[in-house]
All heavy atoms as atom14 arrays in JSON, in Angstrom:
{
  "sequence": "SKSLNGGDTGDWNREHVWAKSHGDFGTSTGPGTDIHHLRPTDVKVNS",
  "atom14_mask": [
    [1, 1, 1, 1, 1, 1, 0, 0, 0, 0, 0, 0, 0, 0],
    [1, 1, 1, 1, 1, 1, 1, 1, 1, 0, 0, 0, 0, 0],
    [1, 1, 1, 1, 1, 1, 0, 0, 0, 0, 0, 0, 0, 0],
    [1, 1, 1, 1, 1, 1, 1, 1, 0, 0, 0, 0, 0, 0],
    [1, 1, 1, 1, 1, 1, 1, 1, 0, 0, 0, 0, 0, 0],
    [1, 1, 1, 1, 0, 0, 0, 0, 0, 0, 0, 0, 0, 0],
    [1, 1, 1, 1, 0, 0, 0, 0, 0, 0, 0, 0, 0, 0],
    [1, 1, 1, 1, 1, 1, 1, 1, 0, 0, 0, 0, 0, 0],
    [1, 1, 1, 1, 1, 1, 1, 0, 0, 0, 0, 0, 0, 0],
    [1, 1, 1, 1, 0, 0, 0, 0, 0, 0, 0, 0, 0, 0],
    [1, 1, 1, 1, 1, 1, 1, 1, 0, 0, 0, 0, 0, 0],
    [1, 1, 1, 1, 1, 1, 1, 1, 1, 1, 1, 1, 1, 1],
    [1, 1, 1, 1, 1, 1, 1, 1, 0, 0, 0, 0, 0, 0],
    [1, 1, 1, 1, 1, 1, 1, 1, 1, 1, 1, 0, 0, 0],
    [1, 1, 1, 1, 1, 1, 1, 1, 1, 0, 0, 0, 0, 0],
    [1, 1, 1, 1, 1, 1, 1, 1, 1, 1, 0, 0, 0, 0],
    [1, 1, 1, 1, 1, 1, 1, 0, 0, 0, 0, 0, 0, 0],
    [1, 1, 1, 1, 1, 1, 1, 1, 1, 1, 1, 1, 1, 1],
    [1, 1, 1, 1, 1, 0, 0, 0, 0, 0, 0, 0, 0, 0],
    [1, 1, 1, 1, 1, 1, 1, 1, 1, 0, 0, 0, 0, 0],
    [1, 1, 1, 1, 1, 1, 0, 0, 0, 0, 0, 0, 0, 0],
    [1, 1, 1, 1, 1, 1, 1, 1, 1, 1, 0, 0, 0, 0],
    [1, 1, 1, 1, 0, 0, 0, 0, 0, 0, 0, 0, 0, 0],
    [1, 1, 1, 1, 1, 1, 1, 1, 0, 0, 0, 0, 0, 0],
    [1, 1, 1, 1, 1, 1, 1, 1, 1, 1, 1, 0, 0, 0],
    [1, 1, 1, 1, 0, 0, 0, 0, 0, 0, 0, 0, 0, 0],
    [1, 1, 1, 1, 1, 1, 1, 0, 0, 0, 0, 0, 0, 0],
    [1, 1, 1, 1, 1, 1, 0, 0, 0, 0, 0, 0, 0, 0],
    [1, 1, 1, 1, 1, 1, 1, 0, 0, 0, 0, 0, 0, 0],
    [1, 1, 1, 1, 0, 0, 0, 0, 0, 0, 0, 0, 0, 0],
    [1, 1, 1, 1, 1, 1, 1, 0, 0, 0, 0, 0, 0, 0],
    [1, 1, 1, 1, 0, 0, 0, 0, 0, 0, 0, 0, 0, 0],
    [1, 1, 1, 1, 1, 1, 1, 0, 0, 0, 0, 0, 0, 0],
    [1, 1, 1, 1, 1, 1, 1, 1, 0, 0, 0, 0, 0, 0],
    [1, 1, 1, 1, 1, 1, 1, 1, 0, 0, 0, 0, 0, 0],
    [1, 1, 1, 1, 1, 1, 1, 1, 1, 1, 0, 0, 0, 0],
    [1, 1, 1, 1, 1, 1, 1, 1, 1, 1, 0, 0, 0, 0],
    [1, 1, 1, 1, 1, 1, 1, 1, 0, 0, 0, 0, 0, 0],
    [1, 1, 1, 1, 1, 1, 1, 1, 1, 1, 1, 0, 0, 0],
    [1, 1, 1, 1, 1, 1, 1, 0, 0, 0, 0, 0, 0, 0],
    [1, 1, 1, 1, 1, 1, 1, 0, 0, 0, 0, 0, 0, 0],
    [1, 1, 1, 1, 1, 1, 1, 1, 0, 0, 0, 0, 0, 0],
    [1, 1, 1, 1, 1, 1, 1, 0, 0, 0, 0, 0, 0, 0],
    [1, 1, 1, 1, 1, 1, 1, 1, 1, 0, 0, 0, 0, 0],
    [1, 1, 1, 1, 1, 1, 1, 0, 0, 0, 0, 0, 0, 0],
    [1, 1, 1, 1, 1, 1, 1, 1, 0, 0, 0, 0, 0, 0],
    [1, 1, 1, 1, 1, 1, 0, 0, 0, 0, 0, 0, 0, 0]
  ],
  "atom14_positions": [
    [[21.41, -19.77, 22.09], [22.31, -18.61, 22.03], [22.72, -18.29, 20.59], [23.06, -19.19, 19.81], [23.56, -18.89, 22.87], [24.51, -17.85, 22.69], [0.0, 0.0, 0.0], [0.0, 0.0, 0.0], [0.0, 0.0, 0.0], [0.0, 0.0, 0.0], [0.0, 0.0, 0.0], [0.0, 0.0, 0.0], [0.0, 0.0, 0.0], [0.0, 0.0, 0.0]],
    [[22.72, -17.03, 20.27], [23.16, -16.59, 18.95], [24.61, -17.0, 18.68], [24.99, -17.21, 17.52], [23.04, -15.07, 18.83], [21.62, -14.55, 18.79], [21.6, -13.02, 18.72], [20.17, -12.5, 18.63], [20.13, -11.01, 18.6], [0.0, 0.0, 0.0], [0.0, 0.0, 0.0], [0.0, 0.0, 0.0], [0.0, 0.0, 0.0], [0.0, 0.0, 0.0]],
    [[25.4, -17.12, 19.72], [26.81, -17.45, 19.56], [27.04, -18.91, 19.18], [28.13, -19.27, 18.74], [27.58, -17.13, 20.84], [27.17, -17.97, 21.91], [0.0, 0.0, 0.0], [0.0, 0.0, 0.0], [0.0, 0.0, 0.0], [0.0, 0.0, 0.0], [0.0, 0.0, 0.0], [0.0, 0.0, 0.0], [0.0, 0.0, 0.0], [0.0, 0.0, 0.0]],
    [[26.01, -19.75, 19.33], [26.17, -21.18, 19.02], [25.81, -21.49, 17.58], [25.13, -22.47, 17.28], [25.3, -22.02, 19.98], [25.76, -22.03, 21.43], [24.77, -22.8, 22.3], [27.16, -22.64, 21.56], [0.0, 0.0, 0.0], [0.0, 0.0, 0.0], [0.0, 0.0, 0.0], [0.0, 0.0, 0.0], [0.0, 0.0, 0.0], [0.0, 0.0, 0.0]],
    [[26.27, -20.66, 16.67], [26.06, -20.93, 15.25], [27.28, -21.67, 14.71], [28.41, -21.32, 15.0], [25.83, -19.64, 14.46], [27.0, -18.67, 14.56], [27.35, -18.22, 15.64], [27.6, -18.35, 13.41], [0.0, 0.0, 0.0], [0.0, 0.0, 0.0], [0.0, 0.0, 0.0], [0.0, 0.0, 0.0], [0.0, 0.0, 0.0], [0.0, 0.0, 0.0]],
    [[27.03, -22.75, 13.96], [28.13, -23.56, 13.44], [27.64, -24.9, 12.95], [26.47, -25.04, 12.59], [0.0, 0.0, 0.0], [0.0, 0.0, 0.0], [0.0, 0.0, 0.0], [0.0, 0.0, 0.0], [0.0, 0.0, 0.0], [0.0, 0.0, 0.0], [0.0, 0.0, 0.0], [0.0, 0.0, 0.0], [0.0, 0.0, 0.0], [0.0, 0.0, 0.0]],
    [[28.51, -25.89, 12.98], [28.16, -27.18, 12.42], [28.27, -28.34, 13.37], [28.14, -29.5, 12.95], [0.0, 0.0, 0.0], [0.0, 0.0, 0.0], [0.0, 0.0, 0.0], [0.0, 0.0, 0.0], [0.0, 0.0, 0.0], [0.0, 0.0, 0.0], [0.0, 0.0, 0.0], [0.0, 0.0, 0.0], [0.0, 0.0, 0.0], [0.0, 0.0, 0.0]],
    [[28.49, -28.06, 14.65], [28.65, -29.13, 15.62], [27.34, -29.45, 16.33], [26.4, -28.65, 16.32], [29.7, -28.74, 16.68], [31.08, -28.53, 16.08], [31.41, -29.23, 15.1], [31.82, -27.65, 16.59], [0.0, 0.0, 0.0], [0.0, 0.0, 0.0], [0.0, 0.0, 0.0], [0.0, 0.0, 0.0], [0.0, 0.0, 0.0], [0.0, 0.0, 0.0]],
    [[27.29, -30.62, 16.96], [26.13, -31.0, 17.75], [25.89, -29.94, 18.83], [26.82, -29.54, 19.53], [26.35, -32.38, 18.41], [26.52, -33.35, 17.38], [25.15, -32.75, 19.26], [0.0, 0.0, 0.0], [0.0, 0.0, 0.0], [0.0, 0.0, 0.0], [0.0, 0.0, 0.0], [0.0, 0.0, 0.0], [0.0, 0.0, 0.0], [0.0, 0.0, 0.0]],
    [[24.66, -29.49, 18.95], [24.34, -28.43, 19.9], [24.36, -27.05, 19.29], [23.9, -26.08, 19.91], [0.0, 0.0, 0.0], [0.0, 0.0, 0.0], [0.0, 0.0, 0.0], [0.0, 0.0, 0.0], [0.0, 0.0, 0.0], [0.0, 0.0, 0.0], [0.0, 0.0, 0.0], [0.0, 0.0, 0.0], [0.0, 0.0, 0.0], [0.0, 0.0, 0.0]],
    [[24.88, -26.93, 18.07], [24.88, -25.66, 17.35], [23.59, -25.5, 16.56], [22.8, -26.43, 16.39], [26.06, -25.6, 16.37], [27.4, -25.44, 17.05], [27.42, -25.09, 18.24], [28.42, -25.67, 16.38], [0.0, 0.0, 0.0], [0.0, 0.0, 0.0], [0.0, 0.0, 0.0], [0.0, 0.0, 0.0], [0.0, 0.0, 0.0], [0.0, 0.0, 0.0]],
    [[23.4, -24.29, 16.03], [22.36, -24.07, 15.03], [23.03, -23.67, 13.72], [24.11, -23.08, 13.72], [21.35, -23.01, 15.48], [21.89, -21.63, 15.74], [22.35, -21.13, 16.93], [21.99, -20.54, 14.79], [22.74, -19.82, 16.78], [22.52, -19.43, 15.48], [21.68, -20.4, 13.43], [22.76, -18.2, 14.86], [21.91, -19.18, 12.81], [22.44, -18.09, 13.52]],
    [[22.4, -24.05, 12.62], [22.96, -23.7, 11.31], [21.88, -23.13, 10.4], [20.76, -22.86, 10.85], [23.68, -24.89, 10.68], [22.79, -26.11, 10.49], [21.58, -26.06, 10.72], [23.39, -27.22, 10.09], [0.0, 0.0, 0.0], [0.0, 0.0, 0.0], [0.0, 0.0, 0.0], [0.0, 0.0, 0.0], [0.0, 0.0, 0.0], [0.0, 0.0, 0.0]],
    [[22.21, -22.92, 9.15], [21.35, -22.2, 8.2], [20.57, -23.2, 7.35], [21.11, -23.77, 6.41], [22.21, -21.29, 7.31], [22.96, -20.21, 8.06], [24.14, -19.64, 7.27], [25.23, -20.63, 7.15], [26.41, -20.37, 6.61], [26.67, -19.17, 6.13], [27.32, -21.32, 6.55], [0.0, 0.0, 0.0], [0.0, 0.0, 0.0], [0.0, 0.0, 0.0]],
    [[19.31, -23.36, 7.69], [18.45, -24.29, 6.97], [17.84, -23.63, 5.74], [17.27, -22.53, 5.82], [17.33, -24.79, 7.89], [16.07, -25.29, 7.19], [16.22, -26.65, 6.52], [17.34, -26.98, 6.07], [15.21, -27.37, 6.43], [0.0, 0.0, 0.0], [0.0, 0.0, 0.0], [0.0, 0.0, 0.0], [0.0, 0.0, 0.0], [0.0, 0.0, 0.0]],
    [[17.98, -24.27, 4.59], [17.28, -23.84, 3.38], [15.93, -24.56, 3.35], [15.87, -25.75, 3.09], [18.09, -24.2, 2.13], [19.35, -23.41, 1.98], [20.49, -23.68, 2.72], [19.66, -22.36, 1.16], [21.44, -22.82, 2.36], [20.97, -22.02, 1.43], [0.0, 0.0, 0.0], [0.0, 0.0, 0.0], [0.0, 0.0, 0.0], [0.0, 0.0, 0.0]],
    [[14.88, -23.82, 3.64], [13.55, -24.45, 3.68], [13.19, -24.99, 2.3], [12.65, -26.1, 2.18], [12.51, -23.45, 4.21], [11.11, -24.06, 4.18], [12.86, -23.05, 5.65], [0.0, 0.0, 0.0], [0.0, 0.0, 0.0], [0.0, 0.0, 0.0], [0.0, 0.0, 0.0], [0.0, 0.0, 0.0], [0.0, 0.0, 0.0], [0.0, 0.0, 0.0]],
    [[13.46, -24.22, 1.25], [13.43, -24.79, -0.1], [14.8, -25.44, -0.28], [15.8, -24.75, -0.45], [13.19, -23.72, -1.16], [12.97, -24.32, -2.53], [13.88, -25.0, -3.29], [11.75, -24.34, -3.28], [13.32, -25.43, -4.46], [12.01, -25.04, -4.48], [10.48, -23.83, -3.06], [11.02, -25.22, -5.46], [9.5, -24.02, -4.02], [9.78, -24.7, -5.21]],
    [[14.84, -26.75, -0.2], [16.12, -27.46, -0.18], [17.01, -27.08, -1.36], [16.54, -26.97, -2.5], [15.87, -28.97, -0.19], [0.0, 0.0, 0.0], [0.0, 0.0, 0.0], [0.0, 0.0, 0.0], [0.0, 0.0, 0.0], [0.0, 0.0, 0.0], [0.0, 0.0, 0.0], [0.0, 0.0, 0.0], [0.0, 0.0, 0.0], [0.0, 0.0, 0.0]],
    [[18.31, -26.89, -1.08], [19.25, -26.43, -2.11], [19.25, -27.33, -3.34], [19.39, -26.85, -4.47], [20.67, -26.37, -1.54], [20.85, -25.43, -0.37], [22.3, -25.27, 0.03], [22.94, -26.56, 0.53], [22.39, -27.01, 1.82], [0.0, 0.0, 0.0], [0.0, 0.0, 0.0], [0.0, 0.0, 0.0], [0.0, 0.0, 0.0], [0.0, 0.0, 0.0]],
    [[19.12, -28.65, -3.12], [19.2, -29.58, -4.24], [17.98, -29.5, -5.15], [18.05, -29.94, -6.3], [19.35, -31.02, -3.72], [18.21, -31.4, -2.97], [0.0, 0.0, 0.0], [0.0, 0.0, 0.0], [0.0, 0.0, 0.0], [0.0, 0.0, 0.0], [0.0, 0.0, 0.0], [0.0, 0.0, 0.0], [0.0, 0.0, 0.0], [0.0, 0.0, 0.0]],
    [[16.88, -28.94, -4.66], [15.67, -28.82, -5.48], [15.81, -27.6, -6.39], [15.19, -26.56, -6.18], [14.43, -28.7, -4.6], [14.09, -29.95, -3.86], [12.85, -30.57, -3.93], [14.83, -30.73, -3.04], [12.85, -31.65, -3.16], [14.06, -31.76, -2.62], [0.0, 0.0, 0.0], [0.0, 0.0, 0.0], [0.0, 0.0, 0.0], [0.0, 0.0, 0.0]],
    [[16.65, -27.73, -7.37], [16.97, -26.63, -8.26], [18.47, -26.42, -8.38], [18.92, -25.64, -9.21], [0.0, 0.0, 0.0], [0.0, 0.0, 0.0], [0.0, 0.0, 0.0], [0.0, 0.0, 0.0], [0.0, 0.0, 0.0], [0.0, 0.0, 0.0], [0.0, 0.0, 0.0], [0.0, 0.0, 0.0], [0.0, 0.0, 0.0], [0.0, 0.0, 0.0]],
    [[19.24, -27.14, -7.55], [20.7, -27.14, -7.65], [21.28, -25.73, -7.6], [22.17, -25.38, -8.37], [21.13, -27.85, -8.94], [22.62, -28.18, -8.94], [23.18, -28.38, -7.84], [23.22, -28.24, -10.04], [0.0, 0.0, 0.0], [0.0, 0.0, 0.0], [0.0, 0.0, 0.0], [0.0, 0.0, 0.0], [0.0, 0.0, 0.0], [0.0, 0.0, 0.0]],
    [[20.78, -24.9, -6.64], [21.32, -23.55, -6.54], [22.34, -23.39, -5.42], [22.97, -22.34, -5.28], [20.2, -22.52, -6.37], [19.2, -22.81, -5.29], [19.51, -22.64, -3.96], [17.92, -23.25, -5.62], [18.58, -22.9, -2.96], [16.98, -23.52, -4.63], [17.3, -23.34, -3.29], [0.0, 0.0, 0.0], [0.0, 0.0, 0.0], [0.0, 0.0, 0.0]],
    [[22.51, -24.42, -4.61], [23.55, -24.41, -3.59], [23.45, -23.22, -2.65], [22.36, -22.84, -2.22], [0.0, 0.0, 0.0], [0.0, 0.0, 0.0], [0.0, 0.0, 0.0], [0.0, 0.0, 0.0], [0.0, 0.0, 0.0], [0.0, 0.0, 0.0], [0.0, 0.0, 0.0], [0.0, 0.0, 0.0], [0.0, 0.0, 0.0], [0.0, 0.0, 0.0]],
    [[24.6, -22.63, -2.33], [24.64, -21.47, -1.44], [25.09, -20.22, -2.18], [25.54, -19.25, -1.56], [25.59, -21.74, -0.25], [26.91, -22.0, -0.75], [25.12, -22.93, 0.57], [0.0, 0.0, 0.0], [0.0, 0.0, 0.0], [0.0, 0.0, 0.0], [0.0, 0.0, 0.0], [0.0, 0.0, 0.0], [0.0, 0.0, 0.0], [0.0, 0.0, 0.0]],
    [[24.95, -20.24, -3.49], [25.33, -19.07, -4.28], [24.39, -17.9, -4.01], [23.21, -18.09, -3.67], [25.3, -19.42, -5.77], [26.21, -20.45, -6.07], [0.0, 0.0, 0.0], [0.0, 0.0, 0.0], [0.0, 0.0, 0.0], [0.0, 0.0, 0.0], [0.0, 0.0, 0.0], [0.0, 0.0, 0.0], [0.0, 0.0, 0.0], [0.0, 0.0, 0.0]],
    [[24.92, -16.7, -4.16], [24.11, -15.51, -3.95], [22.9, -15.54, -4.87], [23.02, -15.7, -6.08], [24.94, -14.24, -4.21], [26.07, -14.24, -3.33], [24.12, -12.99, -3.99], [0.0, 0.0, 0.0], [0.0, 0.0, 0.0], [0.0, 0.0, 0.0], [0.0, 0.0, 0.0], [0.0, 0.0, 0.0], [0.0, 0.0, 0.0], [0.0, 0.0, 0.0]],
    [[21.73, -15.39, -4.29], [20.47, -15.56, -5.01], [19.57, -16.45, -4.17], [19.42, -16.21, -2.96], [0.0, 0.0, 0.0], [0.0, 0.0, 0.0], [0.0, 0.0, 0.0], [0.0, 0.0, 0.0], [0.0, 0.0, 0.0], [0.0, 0.0, 0.0], [0.0, 0.0, 0.0], [0.0, 0.0, 0.0], [0.0, 0.0, 0.0], [0.0, 0.0, 0.0]],
    [[18.98, -17.48, -4.74], [18.11, -18.36, -3.95], [18.85, -19.06, -2.82], [18.24, -19.39, -1.8], [17.58, -19.37, -4.97], [18.52, -19.3, -6.13], [19.01, -17.89, -6.15], [0.0, 0.0, 0.0], [0.0, 0.0, 0.0], [0.0, 0.0, 0.0], [0.0, 0.0, 0.0], [0.0, 0.0, 0.0], [0.0, 0.0, 0.0], [0.0, 0.0, 0.0]],
    [[20.16, -19.25, -2.96], [20.93, -19.91, -1.92], [21.19, -19.04, -0.71], [21.63, -19.55, 0.34], [0.0, 0.0, 0.0], [0.0, 0.0, 0.0], [0.0, 0.0, 0.0], [0.0, 0.0, 0.0], [0.0, 0.0, 0.0], [0.0, 0.0, 0.0], [0.0, 0.0, 0.0], [0.0, 0.0, 0.0], [0.0, 0.0, 0.0], [0.0, 0.0, 0.0]],
    [[20.94, -17.73, -0.83], [21.2, -16.82, 0.29], [19.98, -15.96, 0.62], [20.08, -14.98, 1.37], [22.38, -15.89, -0.01], [22.07, -15.05, -1.14], [23.64, -16.69, -0.31], [0.0, 0.0, 0.0], [0.0, 0.0, 0.0], [0.0, 0.0, 0.0], [0.0, 0.0, 0.0], [0.0, 0.0, 0.0], [0.0, 0.0, 0.0], [0.0, 0.0, 0.0]],
    [[18.84, -16.29, 0.07], [17.62, -15.51, 0.27], [17.07, -15.81, 1.67], [16.57, -16.91, 1.93], [16.59, -15.85, -0.8], [15.44, -14.85, -0.86], [14.94, -14.47, 0.23], [15.04, -14.48, -1.97], [0.0, 0.0, 0.0], [0.0, 0.0, 0.0], [0.0, 0.0, 0.0], [0.0, 0.0, 0.0], [0.0, 0.0, 0.0], [0.0, 0.0, 0.0]],
    [[17.13, -14.83, 2.58], [16.77, -15.1, 3.96], [15.26, -15.19, 4.2], [14.84, -15.5, 5.31], [17.41, -14.08, 4.93], [17.06, -12.64, 4.55], [18.9, -14.3, 5.0], [17.58, -11.61, 5.55], [0.0, 0.0, 0.0], [0.0, 0.0, 0.0], [0.0, 0.0, 0.0], [0.0, 0.0, 0.0], [0.0, 0.0, 0.0], [0.0, 0.0, 0.0]],
    [[14.47, -14.98, 3.16], [13.04, -15.26, 3.31], [12.79, -16.75, 3.49], [11.74, -17.14, 3.98], [12.25, -14.72, 2.12], [11.89, -13.27, 2.24], [11.06, -12.79, 3.23], [12.26, -12.18, 1.5], [10.91, -11.48, 3.09], [11.64, -11.09, 2.06], [0.0, 0.0, 0.0], [0.0, 0.0, 0.0], [0.0, 0.0, 0.0], [0.0, 0.0, 0.0]],
    [[13.74, -17.62, 3.08], [13.55, -19.06, 3.3], [14.71, -19.69, 4.07], [14.72, -20.91, 4.24], [13.31, -19.79, 1.97], [14.56, -20.21, 1.25], [14.87, -21.54, 1.02], [15.56, -19.48, 0.7], [16.01, -21.62, 0.34], [16.46, -20.39, 0.14], [0.0, 0.0, 0.0], [0.0, 0.0, 0.0], [0.0, 0.0, 0.0], [0.0, 0.0, 0.0]],
    [[15.65, -18.91, 4.53], [16.74, -19.42, 5.36], [16.39, -19.18, 6.83], [16.06, -18.05, 7.22], [18.05, -18.73, 5.01], [18.76, -19.29, 3.77], [19.7, -18.27, 3.17], [19.51, -20.55, 4.15], [0.0, 0.0, 0.0], [0.0, 0.0, 0.0], [0.0, 0.0, 0.0], [0.0, 0.0, 0.0], [0.0, 0.0, 0.0], [0.0, 0.0, 0.0]],
    [[16.49, -20.23, 7.64], [16.11, -20.13, 9.05], [17.11, -20.86, 9.94], [17.72, -21.86, 9.51], [14.72, -20.75, 9.27], [13.59, -20.1, 8.47], [13.27, -18.69, 8.92], [12.71, -18.65, 10.26], [11.39, -18.68, 10.53], [10.51, -18.76, 9.53], [10.96, -18.61, 11.78], [0.0, 0.0, 0.0], [0.0, 0.0, 0.0], [0.0, 0.0, 0.0]],
    [[17.29, -20.42, 11.17], [18.15, -21.15, 12.1], [17.49, -22.46, 12.54], [16.3, -22.46, 12.9], [18.32, -20.19, 13.28], [17.26, -19.17, 13.15], [16.76, -19.18, 11.76], [0.0, 0.0, 0.0], [0.0, 0.0, 0.0], [0.0, 0.0, 0.0], [0.0, 0.0, 0.0], [0.0, 0.0, 0.0], [0.0, 0.0, 0.0], [0.0, 0.0, 0.0]],
    [[18.23, -23.55, 12.49], [17.72, -24.85, 12.93], [18.82, -25.61, 13.66], [20.01, -25.39, 13.42], [17.23, -25.71, 11.75], [18.31, -25.87, 10.81], [16.03, -25.11, 11.05], [0.0, 0.0, 0.0], [0.0, 0.0, 0.0], [0.0, 0.0, 0.0], [0.0, 0.0, 0.0], [0.0, 0.0, 0.0], [0.0, 0.0, 0.0], [0.0, 0.0, 0.0]],
    [[18.41, -26.51, 14.54], [19.36, -27.39, 15.2], [20.08, -28.22, 14.15], [19.48, -28.71, 13.19], [18.61, -28.3, 16.17], [19.53, -29.29, 16.84], [20.21, -28.92, 17.81], [19.57, -30.45, 16.38], [0.0, 0.0, 0.0], [0.0, 0.0, 0.0], [0.0, 0.0, 0.0], [0.0, 0.0, 0.0], [0.0, 0.0, 0.0], [0.0, 0.0, 0.0]],
    [[21.38, -28.38, 14.32], [22.2, -29.09, 13.33], [21.66, -30.49, 13.06], [21.52, -30.9, 11.89], [23.67, -29.15, 13.8], [24.47, -30.15, 12.96], [24.31, -27.78, 13.73], [0.0, 0.0, 0.0], [0.0, 0.0, 0.0], [0.0, 0.0, 0.0], [0.0, 0.0, 0.0], [0.0, 0.0, 0.0], [0.0, 0.0, 0.0], [0.0, 0.0, 0.0]],
    [[21.35, -31.24, 14.11], [20.88, -32.61, 13.91], [19.5, -32.65, 13.26], [19.23, -33.49, 12.38], [20.88, -33.37, 15.23], [22.26, -33.83, 15.69], [22.15, -34.84, 16.82], [23.51, -35.47, 17.12], [23.42, -36.49, 18.19], [0.0, 0.0, 0.0], [0.0, 0.0, 0.0], [0.0, 0.0, 0.0], [0.0, 0.0, 0.0], [0.0, 0.0, 0.0]],
    [[18.61, -31.77, 13.69], [17.26, -31.74, 13.11], [17.33, -31.35, 11.64], [16.63, -31.9, 10.79], [16.35, -30.79, 13.89], [14.98, -30.68, 13.23], [16.19, -31.28, 15.34], [0.0, 0.0, 0.0], [0.0, 0.0, 0.0], [0.0, 0.0, 0.0], [0.0, 0.0, 0.0], [0.0, 0.0, 0.0], [0.0, 0.0, 0.0], [0.0, 0.0, 0.0]],
    [[18.2, -30.4, 11.32], [18.41, -30.0, 9.94], [18.87, -31.18, 9.1], [18.4, -31.4, 7.98], [19.44, -28.87, 9.89], [19.53, -28.2, 8.52], [18.93, -28.64, 7.55], [20.3, -27.13, 8.46], [0.0, 0.0, 0.0], [0.0, 0.0, 0.0], [0.0, 0.0, 0.0], [0.0, 0.0, 0.0], [0.0, 0.0, 0.0], [0.0, 0.0, 0.0]],
    [[19.78, -31.96, 9.65], [20.28, -33.13, 8.93], [19.19, -34.16, 8.69], [19.13, -34.78, 7.62], [21.43, -33.76, 9.73], [21.9, -34.93, 9.1], [0.0, 0.0, 0.0], [0.0, 0.0, 0.0], [0.0, 0.0, 0.0], [0.0, 0.0, 0.0], [0.0, 0.0, 0.0], [0.0, 0.0, 0.0], [0.0, 0.0, 0.0], [0.0, 0.0, 0.0]]
  ]
}
């Protein structure tokens, strides 16, 4: 469900396919928010 976005078990969150730490860009506007590499993933799988 689209409504299950968040950080709890059973939710989906925003996965940075190019990991944020690989370049230290975090979630700042730019590579950290570029939706060409941001995808919904299960919270636990993302972790």
